[in-house]
N, C-alpha and C. Protein backbone atom coordinates (compact mmCIF):
# COMPACT_ATOMS: atom_id res chain seq x y z
N MET A 1 -5.16 43.07 12.72
CA MET A 1 -5.85 44.21 12.15
C MET A 1 -5.02 44.76 10.98
N LEU A 2 -5.68 45.02 9.86
CA LEU A 2 -5.01 45.55 8.68
C LEU A 2 -4.78 47.05 8.84
N GLN A 3 -3.61 47.50 8.52
CA GLN A 3 -3.28 48.92 8.55
C GLN A 3 -3.40 49.46 7.12
N ILE A 4 -4.33 50.38 6.90
CA ILE A 4 -4.57 50.93 5.58
C ILE A 4 -4.28 52.43 5.60
N ARG A 5 -3.45 52.88 4.68
CA ARG A 5 -3.05 54.28 4.60
C ARG A 5 -4.17 55.16 4.03
N GLN A 6 -4.87 54.66 3.03
CA GLN A 6 -5.91 55.44 2.36
C GLN A 6 -7.16 55.54 3.24
N ALA A 7 -7.96 56.58 3.00
CA ALA A 7 -9.27 56.70 3.64
C ALA A 7 -10.22 55.76 2.91
N ILE A 8 -11.07 55.09 3.65
CA ILE A 8 -12.01 54.13 3.07
C ILE A 8 -13.40 54.74 3.09
N ILE A 9 -14.05 54.77 1.94
CA ILE A 9 -15.39 55.34 1.80
C ILE A 9 -16.39 54.19 1.76
N VAL A 10 -17.35 54.20 2.70
CA VAL A 10 -18.39 53.18 2.77
C VAL A 10 -19.75 53.85 2.72
N GLU A 11 -20.81 53.06 2.61
CA GLU A 11 -22.15 53.64 2.49
C GLU A 11 -22.73 54.11 3.82
N GLY A 12 -22.62 53.31 4.87
CA GLY A 12 -23.31 53.68 6.09
C GLY A 12 -22.54 53.38 7.36
N LYS A 13 -23.17 53.76 8.49
CA LYS A 13 -22.49 53.62 9.78
C LYS A 13 -22.26 52.15 10.16
N TYR A 14 -23.16 51.25 9.74
CA TYR A 14 -22.95 49.84 10.09
C TYR A 14 -21.80 49.24 9.27
N ASP A 15 -21.62 49.74 8.06
CA ASP A 15 -20.45 49.33 7.27
C ASP A 15 -19.18 49.79 7.97
N LYS A 16 -19.21 51.02 8.48
CA LYS A 16 -18.05 51.57 9.19
C LYS A 16 -17.74 50.76 10.44
N ILE A 17 -18.77 50.40 11.19
CA ILE A 17 -18.58 49.60 12.40
C ILE A 17 -17.95 48.25 12.05
N LYS A 18 -18.48 47.60 11.03
CA LYS A 18 -17.94 46.29 10.60
C LYS A 18 -16.48 46.42 10.20
N LEU A 19 -16.17 47.40 9.38
CA LEU A 19 -14.81 47.58 8.88
C LEU A 19 -13.84 47.97 9.99
N SER A 20 -14.33 48.71 10.97
CA SER A 20 -13.47 49.13 12.09
C SER A 20 -12.94 47.95 12.89
N SER A 21 -13.61 46.83 12.81
CA SER A 21 -13.15 45.64 13.54
C SER A 21 -12.07 44.89 12.76
N ILE A 22 -11.83 45.30 11.51
CA ILE A 22 -10.90 44.59 10.64
C ILE A 22 -9.70 45.44 10.25
N VAL A 23 -9.94 46.75 10.04
CA VAL A 23 -8.88 47.63 9.56
C VAL A 23 -8.67 48.82 10.48
N LYS A 24 -7.44 49.29 10.47
CA LYS A 24 -7.13 50.55 11.14
C LYS A 24 -6.92 51.57 10.04
N ALA A 25 -7.90 52.46 9.88
CA ALA A 25 -7.87 53.44 8.80
C ALA A 25 -8.92 54.51 9.09
N VAL A 26 -8.87 55.59 8.34
CA VAL A 26 -9.95 56.58 8.35
C VAL A 26 -11.07 55.97 7.53
N ILE A 27 -12.26 55.87 8.12
CA ILE A 27 -13.42 55.30 7.43
C ILE A 27 -14.51 56.36 7.40
N ILE A 28 -14.96 56.71 6.20
CA ILE A 28 -15.94 57.78 6.02
C ILE A 28 -17.22 57.21 5.42
N PRO A 29 -18.34 57.24 6.16
CA PRO A 29 -19.61 56.80 5.59
C PRO A 29 -20.26 57.92 4.76
N THR A 30 -20.83 57.57 3.62
CA THR A 30 -21.51 58.55 2.77
C THR A 30 -22.95 58.79 3.22
N HIS A 31 -23.45 57.93 4.10
CA HIS A 31 -24.84 57.96 4.54
C HIS A 31 -25.76 57.78 3.33
N GLY A 32 -25.39 56.81 2.51
CA GLY A 32 -26.20 56.48 1.35
C GLY A 32 -26.21 57.59 0.32
N PHE A 33 -27.38 57.84 -0.23
CA PHE A 33 -27.51 58.84 -1.28
C PHE A 33 -27.38 60.27 -0.76
N ARG A 34 -27.27 60.46 0.53
CA ARG A 34 -27.09 61.79 1.11
C ARG A 34 -25.83 62.46 0.54
N ILE A 35 -24.86 61.65 0.12
CA ILE A 35 -23.61 62.19 -0.42
C ILE A 35 -23.87 63.04 -1.67
N PHE A 36 -24.96 62.77 -2.38
CA PHE A 36 -25.26 63.52 -3.60
C PHE A 36 -25.49 65.01 -3.32
N LYS A 37 -25.88 65.35 -2.08
CA LYS A 37 -26.18 66.75 -1.73
C LYS A 37 -25.27 67.30 -0.63
N ASP A 38 -24.38 66.48 -0.10
CA ASP A 38 -23.54 66.91 1.02
C ASP A 38 -22.18 67.40 0.51
N GLU A 39 -22.11 68.69 0.22
CA GLU A 39 -20.88 69.28 -0.34
C GLU A 39 -19.72 69.22 0.65
N GLU A 40 -20.00 69.35 1.94
CA GLU A 40 -18.92 69.30 2.94
C GLU A 40 -18.29 67.90 2.99
N MET A 41 -19.13 66.87 2.96
CA MET A 41 -18.62 65.50 2.96
C MET A 41 -17.83 65.23 1.68
N LEU A 42 -18.34 65.70 0.57
CA LEU A 42 -17.66 65.52 -0.71
C LEU A 42 -16.31 66.24 -0.70
N ALA A 43 -16.25 67.42 -0.10
CA ALA A 43 -14.98 68.16 0.00
C ALA A 43 -13.99 67.38 0.85
N LEU A 44 -14.46 66.76 1.92
CA LEU A 44 -13.59 65.95 2.78
C LEU A 44 -13.06 64.75 1.99
N ILE A 45 -13.91 64.09 1.26
CA ILE A 45 -13.49 62.93 0.47
C ILE A 45 -12.48 63.36 -0.60
N ARG A 46 -12.72 64.49 -1.23
CA ARG A 46 -11.76 65.01 -2.23
C ARG A 46 -10.41 65.28 -1.59
N HIS A 47 -10.44 65.85 -0.38
CA HIS A 47 -9.20 66.13 0.35
C HIS A 47 -8.40 64.83 0.55
N TYR A 48 -9.06 63.79 1.02
CA TYR A 48 -8.37 62.52 1.23
C TYR A 48 -7.89 61.92 -0.10
N ALA A 49 -8.69 62.06 -1.15
CA ALA A 49 -8.28 61.53 -2.46
C ALA A 49 -6.97 62.17 -2.90
N GLU A 50 -6.82 63.46 -2.63
CA GLU A 50 -5.63 64.19 -3.07
C GLU A 50 -4.44 64.03 -2.12
N THR A 51 -4.68 63.64 -0.87
CA THR A 51 -3.57 63.52 0.08
C THR A 51 -3.16 62.06 0.28
N THR A 52 -4.01 61.26 0.87
CA THR A 52 -3.65 59.86 1.14
C THR A 52 -4.16 58.90 0.08
N GLY A 53 -5.14 59.36 -0.70
CA GLY A 53 -5.85 58.47 -1.62
C GLY A 53 -7.07 57.91 -0.91
N ILE A 54 -8.04 57.45 -1.68
CA ILE A 54 -9.24 56.85 -1.09
C ILE A 54 -9.49 55.47 -1.69
N ILE A 55 -10.21 54.69 -0.91
CA ILE A 55 -10.68 53.38 -1.34
C ILE A 55 -12.20 53.43 -1.26
N ILE A 56 -12.88 53.09 -2.35
CA ILE A 56 -14.33 53.06 -2.34
C ILE A 56 -14.76 51.60 -2.15
N LEU A 57 -15.52 51.36 -1.09
CA LEU A 57 -16.00 50.02 -0.76
C LEU A 57 -17.50 50.11 -0.49
N THR A 58 -18.30 49.95 -1.53
CA THR A 58 -19.75 50.00 -1.38
C THR A 58 -20.32 48.60 -1.58
N ASP A 59 -21.60 48.46 -1.28
CA ASP A 59 -22.28 47.19 -1.48
C ASP A 59 -22.30 46.86 -2.97
N SER A 60 -22.55 45.59 -3.29
CA SER A 60 -22.56 45.13 -4.68
C SER A 60 -23.96 45.15 -5.28
N ASP A 61 -24.80 46.05 -4.80
CA ASP A 61 -26.13 46.20 -5.37
C ASP A 61 -26.18 47.47 -6.22
N ARG A 62 -27.34 47.74 -6.81
CA ARG A 62 -27.47 48.91 -7.69
C ARG A 62 -27.17 50.21 -6.94
N ALA A 63 -27.64 50.33 -5.73
CA ALA A 63 -27.41 51.55 -4.94
C ALA A 63 -25.91 51.74 -4.70
N GLY A 64 -25.22 50.69 -4.34
CA GLY A 64 -23.77 50.77 -4.11
C GLY A 64 -23.02 51.18 -5.35
N PHE A 65 -23.41 50.62 -6.50
CA PHE A 65 -22.74 50.98 -7.75
C PHE A 65 -23.08 52.41 -8.16
N ARG A 66 -24.28 52.88 -7.83
CA ARG A 66 -24.65 54.27 -8.14
C ARG A 66 -23.81 55.24 -7.32
N ILE A 67 -23.64 54.96 -6.03
CA ILE A 67 -22.81 55.81 -5.16
C ILE A 67 -21.37 55.78 -5.64
N ARG A 68 -20.86 54.61 -5.94
CA ARG A 68 -19.48 54.45 -6.43
C ARG A 68 -19.27 55.28 -7.71
N SER A 69 -20.20 55.17 -8.63
CA SER A 69 -20.10 55.89 -9.90
C SER A 69 -20.14 57.39 -9.66
N TYR A 70 -21.02 57.84 -8.79
CA TYR A 70 -21.11 59.27 -8.48
C TYR A 70 -19.78 59.79 -7.92
N LEU A 71 -19.21 59.06 -6.96
CA LEU A 71 -17.95 59.49 -6.36
C LEU A 71 -16.83 59.55 -7.39
N LYS A 72 -16.74 58.54 -8.24
CA LYS A 72 -15.69 58.53 -9.26
C LYS A 72 -15.83 59.73 -10.18
N GLY A 73 -17.05 60.14 -10.48
CA GLY A 73 -17.27 61.30 -11.34
C GLY A 73 -17.08 62.62 -10.63
N ALA A 74 -17.34 62.66 -9.33
CA ALA A 74 -17.27 63.91 -8.57
C ALA A 74 -15.87 64.23 -8.07
N ILE A 75 -14.97 63.27 -8.14
CA ILE A 75 -13.61 63.47 -7.66
C ILE A 75 -12.67 63.45 -8.86
N SER A 76 -12.15 64.63 -9.19
CA SER A 76 -11.35 64.72 -10.41
C SER A 76 -9.86 64.50 -10.16
N GLY A 77 -9.39 64.75 -8.96
CA GLY A 77 -7.97 64.60 -8.70
C GLY A 77 -7.69 63.57 -7.63
N GLY A 78 -6.43 63.22 -7.50
CA GLY A 78 -6.04 62.30 -6.45
C GLY A 78 -6.10 60.86 -6.89
N SER A 79 -6.07 60.00 -5.90
CA SER A 79 -6.01 58.56 -6.13
C SER A 79 -7.28 57.89 -5.62
N ILE A 80 -7.93 57.13 -6.50
CA ILE A 80 -9.13 56.38 -6.15
C ILE A 80 -8.88 54.92 -6.47
N LYS A 81 -9.11 54.06 -5.49
CA LYS A 81 -8.99 52.62 -5.68
C LYS A 81 -10.35 52.02 -5.32
N ASN A 82 -10.78 51.06 -6.09
CA ASN A 82 -12.06 50.40 -5.83
C ASN A 82 -11.84 49.01 -5.27
N ILE A 83 -12.62 48.69 -4.26
CA ILE A 83 -12.65 47.33 -3.72
C ILE A 83 -14.09 46.85 -3.86
N TYR A 84 -14.24 45.64 -4.36
CA TYR A 84 -15.56 45.07 -4.57
C TYR A 84 -15.74 43.84 -3.70
N ILE A 85 -16.95 43.71 -3.15
CA ILE A 85 -17.28 42.50 -2.40
C ILE A 85 -18.06 41.58 -3.34
N PRO A 86 -18.00 40.27 -3.10
CA PRO A 86 -18.72 39.34 -3.98
C PRO A 86 -20.22 39.39 -3.75
N ASP A 87 -20.95 38.88 -4.73
CA ASP A 87 -22.40 38.73 -4.57
C ASP A 87 -22.64 37.54 -3.66
N ILE A 88 -23.06 37.81 -2.44
CA ILE A 88 -23.43 36.75 -1.51
C ILE A 88 -24.86 37.07 -1.07
N PHE A 89 -25.73 36.12 -1.29
CA PHE A 89 -27.14 36.35 -0.97
C PHE A 89 -27.43 35.97 0.47
N GLY A 90 -28.26 36.78 1.10
CA GLY A 90 -28.62 36.55 2.49
C GLY A 90 -29.21 37.81 3.10
N LYS A 91 -29.24 37.83 4.44
CA LYS A 91 -29.84 38.93 5.18
C LYS A 91 -28.91 39.32 6.32
N GLU A 92 -28.71 40.63 6.49
CA GLU A 92 -27.92 41.11 7.62
C GLU A 92 -28.65 40.80 8.92
N LYS A 93 -27.92 40.51 9.98
CA LYS A 93 -28.51 40.11 11.26
C LYS A 93 -29.46 41.15 11.83
N ARG A 94 -29.11 42.43 11.66
CA ARG A 94 -29.93 43.48 12.29
C ARG A 94 -31.21 43.78 11.52
N LYS A 95 -31.35 43.25 10.31
CA LYS A 95 -32.50 43.55 9.48
C LYS A 95 -33.54 42.43 9.57
N GLU A 96 -34.80 42.83 9.38
CA GLU A 96 -35.89 41.85 9.43
C GLU A 96 -35.98 41.02 8.15
N LYS A 97 -35.62 41.65 7.02
CA LYS A 97 -35.71 40.94 5.75
C LYS A 97 -34.52 41.33 4.88
N PRO A 98 -34.23 40.53 3.85
CA PRO A 98 -33.10 40.84 2.96
C PRO A 98 -33.32 42.16 2.21
N SER A 99 -32.25 42.68 1.64
CA SER A 99 -32.34 43.88 0.83
C SER A 99 -33.18 43.58 -0.42
N ALA A 100 -33.50 44.62 -1.17
CA ALA A 100 -34.34 44.45 -2.37
C ALA A 100 -33.74 43.45 -3.35
N GLU A 101 -32.40 43.45 -3.48
CA GLU A 101 -31.75 42.52 -4.40
C GLU A 101 -31.33 41.22 -3.71
N GLY A 102 -31.52 41.16 -2.40
CA GLY A 102 -31.21 39.93 -1.66
C GLY A 102 -29.74 39.71 -1.37
N LYS A 103 -28.90 40.70 -1.63
CA LYS A 103 -27.46 40.55 -1.43
C LYS A 103 -27.02 41.13 -0.10
N LEU A 104 -26.02 40.48 0.50
CA LEU A 104 -25.42 41.03 1.71
C LEU A 104 -24.60 42.26 1.33
N GLY A 105 -24.61 43.25 2.21
CA GLY A 105 -23.78 44.42 2.02
C GLY A 105 -22.48 44.26 2.78
N VAL A 106 -21.70 45.33 2.83
CA VAL A 106 -20.42 45.31 3.53
C VAL A 106 -20.62 44.86 4.97
N GLU A 107 -21.64 45.38 5.64
CA GLU A 107 -21.86 45.05 7.05
C GLU A 107 -22.15 43.57 7.27
N GLY A 108 -22.67 42.87 6.26
CA GLY A 108 -23.02 41.47 6.40
C GLY A 108 -21.92 40.50 5.98
N MET A 109 -20.83 41.04 5.46
CA MET A 109 -19.73 40.19 4.98
C MET A 109 -18.92 39.62 6.14
N ASP A 110 -18.48 38.40 5.96
CA ASP A 110 -17.56 37.78 6.91
C ASP A 110 -16.24 38.54 6.86
N ALA A 111 -15.56 38.66 7.99
CA ALA A 111 -14.30 39.40 8.06
C ALA A 111 -13.28 38.86 7.06
N GLU A 112 -13.23 37.55 6.89
CA GLU A 112 -12.26 36.96 5.97
C GLU A 112 -12.57 37.33 4.52
N VAL A 113 -13.84 37.43 4.17
CA VAL A 113 -14.23 37.84 2.83
C VAL A 113 -13.77 39.27 2.58
N LEU A 114 -13.91 40.13 3.58
CA LEU A 114 -13.46 41.52 3.43
C LEU A 114 -11.94 41.60 3.31
N ARG A 115 -11.22 40.82 4.13
CA ARG A 115 -9.75 40.81 4.02
C ARG A 115 -9.33 40.36 2.62
N GLU A 116 -10.00 39.35 2.11
CA GLU A 116 -9.69 38.84 0.77
C GLU A 116 -9.98 39.89 -0.30
N ALA A 117 -11.05 40.67 -0.12
CA ALA A 117 -11.38 41.73 -1.08
C ALA A 117 -10.27 42.79 -1.10
N PHE A 118 -9.73 43.14 0.07
CA PHE A 118 -8.61 44.08 0.14
C PHE A 118 -7.38 43.50 -0.55
N ALA A 119 -7.13 42.22 -0.33
CA ALA A 119 -5.97 41.57 -0.94
C ALA A 119 -6.12 41.53 -2.47
N LYS A 120 -7.32 41.17 -2.96
CA LYS A 120 -7.56 41.10 -4.40
C LYS A 120 -7.34 42.46 -5.07
N ALA A 121 -7.67 43.52 -4.35
CA ALA A 121 -7.52 44.87 -4.92
C ALA A 121 -6.08 45.35 -4.86
N GLY A 122 -5.20 44.57 -4.25
CA GLY A 122 -3.80 44.94 -4.18
C GLY A 122 -3.49 45.98 -3.13
N VAL A 123 -4.42 46.21 -2.21
CA VAL A 123 -4.24 47.23 -1.18
C VAL A 123 -3.25 46.78 -0.10
N LEU A 124 -3.15 45.49 0.11
CA LEU A 124 -2.33 44.98 1.21
C LEU A 124 -0.87 44.79 0.84
N SER A 125 -0.56 44.89 -0.45
CA SER A 125 0.83 44.69 -0.85
C SER A 125 1.32 45.90 -1.62
N GLU A 126 2.59 46.14 -1.56
CA GLU A 126 3.18 47.22 -2.33
C GLU A 126 3.10 46.84 -3.80
N GLN A 127 2.61 47.74 -4.61
CA GLN A 127 2.52 47.47 -6.04
C GLN A 127 3.88 47.70 -6.68
N THR A 128 4.33 46.74 -7.43
CA THR A 128 5.56 46.89 -8.17
C THR A 128 5.22 46.85 -9.65
N ASP A 129 6.17 47.15 -10.47
CA ASP A 129 5.93 47.12 -11.91
C ASP A 129 5.64 45.68 -12.32
N ALA A 130 4.40 45.43 -12.68
CA ALA A 130 3.98 44.08 -13.01
C ALA A 130 4.12 43.79 -14.50
N GLY A 131 4.79 44.66 -15.23
CA GLY A 131 4.93 44.45 -16.66
C GLY A 131 3.75 45.04 -17.40
N ASP A 132 3.47 44.49 -18.56
CA ASP A 132 2.38 44.99 -19.39
C ASP A 132 1.04 44.76 -18.70
N PRO A 133 0.15 45.76 -18.71
CA PRO A 133 -1.17 45.57 -18.11
C PRO A 133 -2.09 44.76 -19.01
N ILE A 134 -3.12 44.22 -18.42
CA ILE A 134 -4.19 43.57 -19.18
C ILE A 134 -4.96 44.69 -19.88
N THR A 135 -5.28 44.52 -21.15
CA THR A 135 -5.94 45.57 -21.92
C THR A 135 -7.34 45.14 -22.35
N LYS A 136 -8.08 46.11 -22.89
CA LYS A 136 -9.41 45.79 -23.44
C LYS A 136 -9.28 44.82 -24.61
N THR A 137 -8.18 44.92 -25.33
CA THR A 137 -7.95 43.97 -26.43
C THR A 137 -7.83 42.55 -25.89
N ASP A 138 -7.12 42.41 -24.74
CA ASP A 138 -7.01 41.09 -24.11
C ASP A 138 -8.38 40.56 -23.71
N LEU A 139 -9.23 41.45 -23.17
CA LEU A 139 -10.59 41.04 -22.81
C LEU A 139 -11.35 40.58 -24.05
N TYR A 140 -11.21 41.34 -25.14
CA TYR A 140 -11.89 40.98 -26.39
C TYR A 140 -11.42 39.62 -26.90
N LEU A 141 -10.12 39.42 -26.92
CA LEU A 141 -9.57 38.16 -27.43
C LEU A 141 -9.97 36.97 -26.55
N ALA A 142 -10.23 37.23 -25.27
CA ALA A 142 -10.68 36.18 -24.36
C ALA A 142 -12.20 36.01 -24.40
N GLY A 143 -12.88 36.80 -25.24
CA GLY A 143 -14.34 36.70 -25.35
C GLY A 143 -15.07 37.36 -24.21
N LEU A 144 -14.42 38.28 -23.49
CA LEU A 144 -15.01 38.93 -22.33
C LEU A 144 -15.54 40.33 -22.62
N ASN A 145 -15.39 40.79 -23.86
CA ASN A 145 -15.85 42.13 -24.22
C ASN A 145 -16.06 42.18 -25.73
N GLY A 146 -17.18 42.77 -26.16
CA GLY A 146 -17.40 42.99 -27.57
C GLY A 146 -17.89 41.81 -28.38
N THR A 147 -18.26 40.72 -27.74
CA THR A 147 -18.79 39.56 -28.45
C THR A 147 -20.22 39.30 -27.98
N PRO A 148 -21.01 38.57 -28.74
CA PRO A 148 -22.42 38.37 -28.36
C PRO A 148 -22.63 37.81 -26.94
N ASP A 149 -21.77 36.92 -26.49
CA ASP A 149 -21.96 36.32 -25.17
C ASP A 149 -20.96 36.85 -24.13
N SER A 150 -20.34 37.99 -24.42
CA SER A 150 -19.29 38.49 -23.53
C SER A 150 -19.81 38.85 -22.13
N ALA A 151 -21.02 39.39 -22.03
CA ALA A 151 -21.55 39.76 -20.71
C ALA A 151 -21.69 38.52 -19.83
N GLN A 152 -22.21 37.44 -20.40
CA GLN A 152 -22.36 36.21 -19.62
C GLN A 152 -20.99 35.63 -19.27
N ARG A 153 -20.06 35.68 -20.19
CA ARG A 153 -18.71 35.17 -19.93
C ARG A 153 -18.03 35.98 -18.83
N ARG A 154 -18.23 37.31 -18.82
CA ARG A 154 -17.69 38.15 -17.74
C ARG A 154 -18.31 37.76 -16.41
N ARG A 155 -19.64 37.57 -16.40
CA ARG A 155 -20.31 37.17 -15.15
C ARG A 155 -19.75 35.85 -14.64
N ASN A 156 -19.52 34.89 -15.55
CA ASN A 156 -18.95 33.59 -15.14
C ASN A 156 -17.57 33.78 -14.52
N LEU A 157 -16.74 34.60 -15.15
CA LEU A 157 -15.40 34.85 -14.62
C LEU A 157 -15.48 35.58 -13.28
N GLN A 158 -16.35 36.57 -13.20
CA GLN A 158 -16.50 37.33 -11.95
C GLN A 158 -16.96 36.42 -10.82
N GLN A 159 -17.87 35.51 -11.10
CA GLN A 159 -18.32 34.57 -10.08
C GLN A 159 -17.16 33.67 -9.65
N LYS A 160 -16.40 33.18 -10.61
CA LYS A 160 -15.26 32.31 -10.31
C LYS A 160 -14.23 33.03 -9.44
N LEU A 161 -14.04 34.34 -9.68
CA LEU A 161 -13.06 35.12 -8.92
C LEU A 161 -13.63 35.72 -7.65
N GLY A 162 -14.94 35.50 -7.37
CA GLY A 162 -15.55 36.04 -6.17
C GLY A 162 -15.80 37.54 -6.26
N LEU A 163 -16.16 38.01 -7.45
CA LEU A 163 -16.42 39.43 -7.68
C LEU A 163 -17.91 39.63 -7.94
N PRO A 164 -18.43 40.84 -7.73
CA PRO A 164 -19.86 41.07 -7.99
C PRO A 164 -20.19 40.93 -9.47
N SER A 165 -21.43 40.57 -9.75
CA SER A 165 -21.85 40.31 -11.12
C SER A 165 -22.12 41.57 -11.93
N MET A 166 -22.26 42.71 -11.30
CA MET A 166 -22.66 43.93 -12.00
C MET A 166 -21.48 44.74 -12.57
N LEU A 167 -20.29 44.20 -12.57
CA LEU A 167 -19.13 44.96 -13.05
C LEU A 167 -19.18 45.17 -14.55
N SER A 168 -18.81 46.36 -14.98
CA SER A 168 -18.65 46.63 -16.41
C SER A 168 -17.32 46.04 -16.85
N ALA A 169 -17.10 46.00 -18.14
CA ALA A 169 -15.82 45.50 -18.66
C ALA A 169 -14.67 46.38 -18.16
N THR A 170 -14.90 47.69 -18.09
CA THR A 170 -13.85 48.61 -17.62
C THR A 170 -13.52 48.36 -16.15
N ALA A 171 -14.54 48.18 -15.32
CA ALA A 171 -14.30 47.91 -13.89
C ALA A 171 -13.60 46.56 -13.72
N LEU A 172 -14.02 45.56 -14.49
CA LEU A 172 -13.37 44.25 -14.42
C LEU A 172 -11.90 44.37 -14.81
N LEU A 173 -11.61 45.14 -15.83
CA LEU A 173 -10.24 45.34 -16.28
C LEU A 173 -9.38 45.94 -15.16
N GLU A 174 -9.92 46.94 -14.46
CA GLU A 174 -9.21 47.57 -13.35
C GLU A 174 -8.89 46.55 -12.25
N ILE A 175 -9.88 45.73 -11.93
CA ILE A 175 -9.68 44.74 -10.87
C ILE A 175 -8.69 43.67 -11.30
N LEU A 176 -8.83 43.17 -12.52
CA LEU A 176 -7.91 42.13 -13.00
C LEU A 176 -6.47 42.62 -12.95
N ASN A 177 -6.25 43.88 -13.31
CA ASN A 177 -4.89 44.42 -13.28
C ASN A 177 -4.34 44.55 -11.86
N SER A 178 -5.23 44.63 -10.87
CA SER A 178 -4.75 44.67 -9.48
C SER A 178 -4.56 43.26 -8.91
N MET A 179 -5.21 42.27 -9.53
CA MET A 179 -5.18 40.90 -9.01
C MET A 179 -4.09 40.04 -9.61
N MET A 180 -3.75 40.31 -10.88
CA MET A 180 -2.85 39.39 -11.57
C MET A 180 -2.08 40.12 -12.66
N SER A 181 -1.04 39.46 -13.11
CA SER A 181 -0.27 40.00 -14.23
C SER A 181 -0.97 39.65 -15.53
N ARG A 182 -0.57 40.28 -16.60
CA ARG A 182 -1.13 39.99 -17.92
C ARG A 182 -0.84 38.53 -18.29
N GLU A 183 0.36 38.07 -17.96
CA GLU A 183 0.73 36.69 -18.26
C GLU A 183 -0.17 35.70 -17.53
N GLU A 184 -0.47 35.98 -16.26
CA GLU A 184 -1.37 35.10 -15.49
C GLU A 184 -2.77 35.11 -16.11
N PHE A 185 -3.24 36.29 -16.52
CA PHE A 185 -4.55 36.40 -17.15
C PHE A 185 -4.60 35.59 -18.44
N LEU A 186 -3.56 35.74 -19.27
CA LEU A 186 -3.54 35.01 -20.54
C LEU A 186 -3.51 33.51 -20.32
N ARG A 187 -2.72 33.06 -19.34
CA ARG A 187 -2.69 31.61 -19.02
C ARG A 187 -4.06 31.14 -18.56
N MET A 188 -4.69 31.92 -17.68
CA MET A 188 -5.99 31.54 -17.15
C MET A 188 -7.03 31.45 -18.25
N THR A 189 -7.05 32.41 -19.16
CA THR A 189 -8.08 32.41 -20.20
C THR A 189 -7.78 31.44 -21.33
N GLU A 190 -6.52 31.06 -21.50
CA GLU A 190 -6.18 30.07 -22.53
C GLU A 190 -6.49 28.65 -22.07
N THR A 191 -6.32 28.39 -20.77
CA THR A 191 -6.46 27.03 -20.26
C THR A 191 -7.86 26.70 -19.77
N GLU A 192 -8.66 27.73 -19.50
CA GLU A 192 -9.99 27.48 -18.95
C GLU A 192 -11.05 28.16 -19.78
N GLU A 193 -12.21 27.57 -19.78
CA GLU A 193 -13.37 28.18 -20.41
C GLU A 193 -13.95 29.18 -19.44
N VAL A 194 -13.95 30.46 -19.81
CA VAL A 194 -14.52 31.50 -18.93
C VAL A 194 -15.90 31.89 -19.38
C-alpha cells in the first residue's frame, strides 16, 4: 500500500473506494459537480492544500477536466499536484454502459495503472533539484506547441507516455517536469518523432 502525505481529491465515492485499496491517505470525493456549490467541502480542500498539500486525481473525460480546472482556480494558496490517468476505453463493472466518452474513470483503472500514474507525477519519490526545467520554448522547439500540427504531436506524445489526450500544453509541461529531466526530454524529442 502506498503511503501518501497529501490529501487526494477524487470525483466520487467509487473512486475513493478504488483508491483506498491502493493508497493510505486522506481521500476526499467532490461528488462530481456538487463541488461547485459546496463551500464547506471547498474550505476543507483549501485547508488541506495549505497544510499537507493536495493531489487532484479526476477522470480523463471532459467532466473530470472541468472539475480539475475549477479546483485549480478556486484554491489560491498551498500546494496542488495533478495526477492524470491514461485514456483507456471501456466500461466500469458496476455500470450498464460506458460513459458518454467511453473512457474508464479512476474507479475502472487497474491498480497498477494507478500506481504508475502516482509514480509518473513524482508523488512516490522525494523531489530533488533536477536542474533546469522543461520550458514552453522547449515544447515549441520540439514541435509540441505553437506550430500547425502541435496539438496532434502532443496527443501522440501523450499516448506514448500513457497520458490523457485532453491535456493542454501547460498541463503537459507540468507533467513532463515531474516525469523527467530537461536533458531526458531533449534526448527523447531529438531521437524520436513525436
